[in-house]
Amino acid sequence: MYAVVVIKNALDNRRGEGFVDSAVKILIAVVIGALLLAGLYLLFNGTILPTLTQRIKEMFNYRG
């Protein structure tokens, strides 16, 4: 009898939160995170690190 009640409650559930919805949310979060990390990588390697290296060399008057 308990199994019948559990099945009936599962079928009557109209929440709309299923495995597919959760998978889509996780996938969107992973894609946004990857884009954010790629943007930060490009920013640091293309802009910040070369400028920082140049300033350090100028600060110590390094000739290489």
Protein backbone atom coordinates (compact mmCIF):
# COMPACT_ATOMS: atom_id res chain seq x y z
CA MET A 1 0.00 0.00 0.00
CA TYR A 2 2.89 2.35 0.77
CA ALA A 3 4.34 1.89 -2.72
CA VAL A 4 1.02 2.90 -4.28
CA VAL A 5 0.98 6.13 -2.24
CA VAL A 6 4.58 6.93 -3.21
CA ILE A 7 3.87 6.34 -6.90
CA LYS A 8 0.69 8.42 -6.74
CA ASN A 9 2.56 11.30 -5.10
CA ALA A 10 5.32 11.10 -7.70
CA LEU A 11 2.80 11.21 -10.54
CA ASP A 12 0.85 14.08 -8.97
CA ASN A 13 4.01 16.13 -8.50
CA ARG A 14 3.80 19.19 -10.77
CA ARG A 15 6.96 20.92 -9.61
CA GLY A 16 8.66 20.69 -12.99
CA GLU A 17 12.10 20.12 -11.52
CA GLY A 18 13.54 17.03 -13.11
CA PHE A 19 16.85 15.57 -14.13
CA VAL A 20 16.85 17.41 -17.46
CA ASP A 21 16.35 20.80 -15.80
CA SER A 22 19.17 20.14 -13.36
CA ALA A 23 21.46 18.96 -16.15
CA VAL A 24 20.75 22.10 -18.18
CA LYS A 25 21.50 24.32 -15.17
CA ILE A 26 24.79 22.53 -14.55
CA LEU A 27 25.74 22.73 -18.22
CA ILE A 28 25.02 26.47 -18.36
CA ALA A 29 27.09 27.03 -15.21
CA VAL A 30 30.02 25.08 -16.66
CA VAL A 31 29.92 26.97 -19.97
CA ILE A 32 29.73 30.37 -18.25
CA GLY A 33 32.58 29.39 -15.94
CA ALA A 34 34.73 28.24 -18.85
CA LEU A 35 34.10 31.49 -20.74
CA LEU A 36 34.97 33.51 -17.65
CA LEU A 37 38.21 31.60 -17.11
CA ALA A 38 39.15 31.93 -20.79
CA GLY A 39 38.54 35.68 -20.63
CA LEU A 40 40.68 36.04 -17.52
CA TYR A 41 43.43 33.93 -19.10
CA LEU A 42 43.49 36.14 -22.20
CA LEU A 43 43.43 39.29 -20.08
CA PHE A 44 46.32 38.22 -17.87
CA ASN A 45 48.52 36.73 -20.61
CA GLY A 46 47.83 39.41 -23.20
CA THR A 47 47.73 42.57 -21.11
CA ILE A 48 48.72 42.32 -17.48
CA LEU A 49 51.71 39.96 -17.43
CA PRO A 50 53.70 41.54 -20.30
CA THR A 51 53.18 45.00 -18.83
CA LEU A 52 54.17 43.76 -15.38
CA THR A 53 57.31 42.08 -16.77
CA GLN A 54 58.27 45.26 -18.60
CA ARG A 55 57.81 47.39 -15.49
CA ILE A 56 59.88 45.02 -13.36
CA LYS A 57 62.71 45.08 -15.91
CA GLU A 58 62.59 48.88 -16.01
CA MET A 59 62.52 49.07 -12.22
CA PHE A 60 65.73 47.03 -11.88
CA ASN A 61 67.23 48.51 -15.07
CA TYR A 62 67.63 45.02 -16.46
CA ARG A 63 69.22 44.70 -19.88
CA GLY A 64 68.66 41.34 -21.41
